[in-house]
Amino acid sequence: MREYPNAGWLSGGAVITVRFGAFMGQLDASIDTLTFPSLQREFGTPLVGVQWSRCPRT
């Protein structure tokens, strides 16, 4: 660690990146959950018919 003066900053940056990614995942899940009723009305299908929108994205 002493050989790399920026190591402390890099590890802090990694923590921030992971936290931001976790937040974005929760936000995405919340938005999908809130849109299920609208999707059900729009497509005229039960919940199982619109759950495809919650499939993992790659």
N, C-alpha and C. Protein backbone atom coordinates (compact mmCIF):
# COMPACT_ATOMS: atom_id res chain seq x y z
N MET A 1 0.82 -1.19 0.00
CA MET A 1 0.00 0.00 0.00
C MET A 1 0.86 1.26 0.00
N ARG A 2 1.98 1.23 0.71
CA ARG A 2 2.81 2.42 0.78
C ARG A 2 3.46 2.73 -0.56
N GLU A 3 3.59 1.71 -1.38
CA GLU A 3 4.20 1.92 -2.69
C GLU A 3 3.26 2.64 -3.64
N TYR A 4 1.99 2.63 -3.33
CA TYR A 4 0.99 3.26 -4.19
C TYR A 4 0.31 4.40 -3.44
N PRO A 5 0.75 5.62 -3.66
CA PRO A 5 0.20 6.75 -2.88
C PRO A 5 -1.29 6.99 -3.12
N ASN A 6 -1.82 6.58 -4.25
CA ASN A 6 -3.24 6.82 -4.54
C ASN A 6 -4.12 5.64 -4.13
N ALA A 7 -3.57 4.64 -3.48
CA ALA A 7 -4.33 3.43 -3.13
C ALA A 7 -5.52 3.77 -2.23
N GLY A 8 -5.36 4.67 -1.30
CA GLY A 8 -6.48 5.05 -0.43
C GLY A 8 -7.61 5.68 -1.20
N TRP A 9 -7.28 6.52 -2.16
CA TRP A 9 -8.31 7.16 -2.97
C TRP A 9 -9.00 6.13 -3.86
N LEU A 10 -8.24 5.20 -4.41
CA LEU A 10 -8.82 4.19 -5.29
C LEU A 10 -9.78 3.28 -4.54
N SER A 11 -9.43 2.88 -3.34
CA SER A 11 -10.33 2.01 -2.59
C SER A 11 -11.59 2.78 -2.19
N GLY A 12 -11.47 4.05 -1.88
CA GLY A 12 -12.65 4.87 -1.59
C GLY A 12 -13.53 5.03 -2.81
N GLY A 13 -12.90 5.17 -3.98
CA GLY A 13 -13.66 5.27 -5.22
C GLY A 13 -14.41 3.99 -5.53
N ALA A 14 -13.79 2.86 -5.20
CA ALA A 14 -14.46 1.57 -5.42
C ALA A 14 -15.69 1.44 -4.53
N VAL A 15 -15.58 1.87 -3.30
CA VAL A 15 -16.72 1.80 -2.38
C VAL A 15 -17.85 2.69 -2.88
N ILE A 16 -17.53 3.87 -3.31
CA ILE A 16 -18.56 4.78 -3.85
C ILE A 16 -19.22 4.18 -5.07
N THR A 17 -18.43 3.57 -5.94
CA THR A 17 -18.98 2.96 -7.15
C THR A 17 -19.93 1.82 -6.81
N VAL A 18 -19.57 0.98 -5.86
CA VAL A 18 -20.43 -0.13 -5.46
C VAL A 18 -21.70 0.39 -4.82
N ARG A 19 -21.59 1.39 -3.97
CA ARG A 19 -22.79 1.96 -3.34
C ARG A 19 -23.72 2.57 -4.38
N PHE A 20 -23.16 3.28 -5.33
CA PHE A 20 -23.97 3.90 -6.38
C PHE A 20 -24.66 2.81 -7.21
N GLY A 21 -23.94 1.75 -7.53
CA GLY A 21 -24.53 0.65 -8.29
C GLY A 21 -25.67 -0.01 -7.54
N ALA A 22 -25.51 -0.21 -6.24
CA ALA A 22 -26.57 -0.81 -5.43
C ALA A 22 -27.79 0.10 -5.38
N PHE A 23 -27.56 1.40 -5.26
CA PHE A 23 -28.66 2.36 -5.26
C PHE A 23 -29.41 2.33 -6.58
N MET A 24 -28.68 2.29 -7.69
CA MET A 24 -29.31 2.27 -9.00
C MET A 24 -30.13 0.99 -9.20
N GLY A 25 -29.64 -0.13 -8.68
CA GLY A 25 -30.40 -1.37 -8.76
C GLY A 25 -31.72 -1.29 -8.02
N GLN A 26 -31.70 -0.71 -6.83
CA GLN A 26 -32.93 -0.55 -6.05
C GLN A 26 -33.88 0.42 -6.73
N LEU A 27 -33.33 1.50 -7.28
CA LEU A 27 -34.17 2.47 -7.98
C LEU A 27 -34.85 1.82 -9.18
N ASP A 28 -34.11 1.03 -9.93
CA ASP A 28 -34.66 0.34 -11.09
C ASP A 28 -35.78 -0.61 -10.67
N ALA A 29 -35.57 -1.35 -9.60
CA ALA A 29 -36.59 -2.28 -9.12
C ALA A 29 -37.85 -1.53 -8.67
N SER A 30 -37.66 -0.39 -8.01
CA SER A 30 -38.80 0.39 -7.55
C SER A 30 -39.61 0.94 -8.72
N ILE A 31 -38.93 1.44 -9.73
CA ILE A 31 -39.63 1.98 -10.90
C ILE A 31 -40.41 0.87 -11.60
N ASP A 32 -39.81 -0.28 -11.76
CA ASP A 32 -40.52 -1.40 -12.39
C ASP A 32 -41.75 -1.78 -11.59
N THR A 33 -41.61 -1.88 -10.28
CA THR A 33 -42.74 -2.26 -9.44
C THR A 33 -43.87 -1.24 -9.53
N LEU A 34 -43.53 0.03 -9.59
CA LEU A 34 -44.55 1.07 -9.68
C LEU A 34 -45.26 1.07 -11.04
N THR A 35 -44.60 0.61 -12.08
CA THR A 35 -45.22 0.65 -13.41
C THR A 35 -46.05 -0.59 -13.72
N PHE A 36 -45.99 -1.64 -12.89
CA PHE A 36 -46.77 -2.84 -13.17
C PHE A 36 -48.26 -2.56 -13.37
N PRO A 37 -48.93 -1.78 -12.51
CA PRO A 37 -50.36 -1.54 -12.74
C PRO A 37 -50.64 -0.84 -14.08
N SER A 38 -49.80 0.11 -14.45
CA SER A 38 -50.00 0.79 -15.74
C SER A 38 -49.81 -0.16 -16.90
N LEU A 39 -48.81 -1.02 -16.80
CA LEU A 39 -48.57 -1.99 -17.86
C LEU A 39 -49.73 -2.98 -17.95
N GLN A 40 -50.28 -3.37 -16.81
CA GLN A 40 -51.42 -4.29 -16.81
C GLN A 40 -52.61 -3.66 -17.53
N ARG A 41 -52.89 -2.40 -17.24
CA ARG A 41 -54.01 -1.71 -17.89
C ARG A 41 -53.75 -1.55 -19.39
N GLU A 42 -52.54 -1.15 -19.75
CA GLU A 42 -52.21 -0.90 -21.15
C GLU A 42 -52.31 -2.16 -21.99
N PHE A 43 -51.80 -3.26 -21.49
CA PHE A 43 -51.79 -4.51 -22.25
C PHE A 43 -52.99 -5.40 -21.96
N GLY A 44 -53.77 -5.05 -20.94
CA GLY A 44 -54.95 -5.83 -20.59
C GLY A 44 -54.61 -7.25 -20.16
N THR A 45 -53.55 -7.40 -19.40
CA THR A 45 -53.11 -8.72 -18.97
C THR A 45 -52.95 -8.74 -17.45
N PRO A 46 -52.93 -9.94 -16.87
CA PRO A 46 -52.66 -10.03 -15.43
C PRO A 46 -51.19 -9.74 -15.15
N LEU A 47 -50.85 -9.71 -13.88
CA LEU A 47 -49.49 -9.38 -13.46
C LEU A 47 -48.45 -10.29 -14.10
N VAL A 48 -48.78 -11.57 -14.21
CA VAL A 48 -47.81 -12.51 -14.79
C VAL A 48 -47.48 -12.14 -16.24
N GLY A 49 -48.38 -11.45 -16.90
CA GLY A 49 -48.15 -11.06 -18.30
C GLY A 49 -47.23 -9.87 -18.46
N VAL A 50 -47.03 -9.11 -17.40
CA VAL A 50 -46.15 -7.94 -17.51
C VAL A 50 -44.87 -8.08 -16.69
N GLN A 51 -44.71 -9.20 -16.02
CA GLN A 51 -43.50 -9.37 -15.22
C GLN A 51 -42.26 -9.54 -16.06
N TRP A 52 -42.38 -9.75 -17.35
CA TRP A 52 -41.22 -9.84 -18.23
C TRP A 52 -40.39 -8.57 -18.15
N SER A 53 -41.03 -7.45 -17.80
CA SER A 53 -40.27 -6.19 -17.73
C SER A 53 -39.29 -6.17 -16.58
N ARG A 54 -39.44 -7.09 -15.64
CA ARG A 54 -38.53 -7.15 -14.48
C ARG A 54 -37.41 -8.16 -14.68
N CYS A 55 -37.32 -8.76 -15.86
CA CYS A 55 -36.23 -9.71 -16.12
C CYS A 55 -34.89 -9.00 -16.01
N PRO A 56 -33.87 -9.69 -15.54
CA PRO A 56 -32.55 -9.06 -15.42
C PRO A 56 -32.04 -8.56 -16.77
N ARG A 57 -31.46 -7.40 -16.74
CA ARG A 57 -30.91 -6.82 -17.96
C ARG A 57 -29.42 -7.08 -18.00
N THR A 58 -28.94 -7.42 -19.18
CA THR A 58 -27.50 -7.66 -19.32
C THR A 58 -26.92 -6.75 -20.37
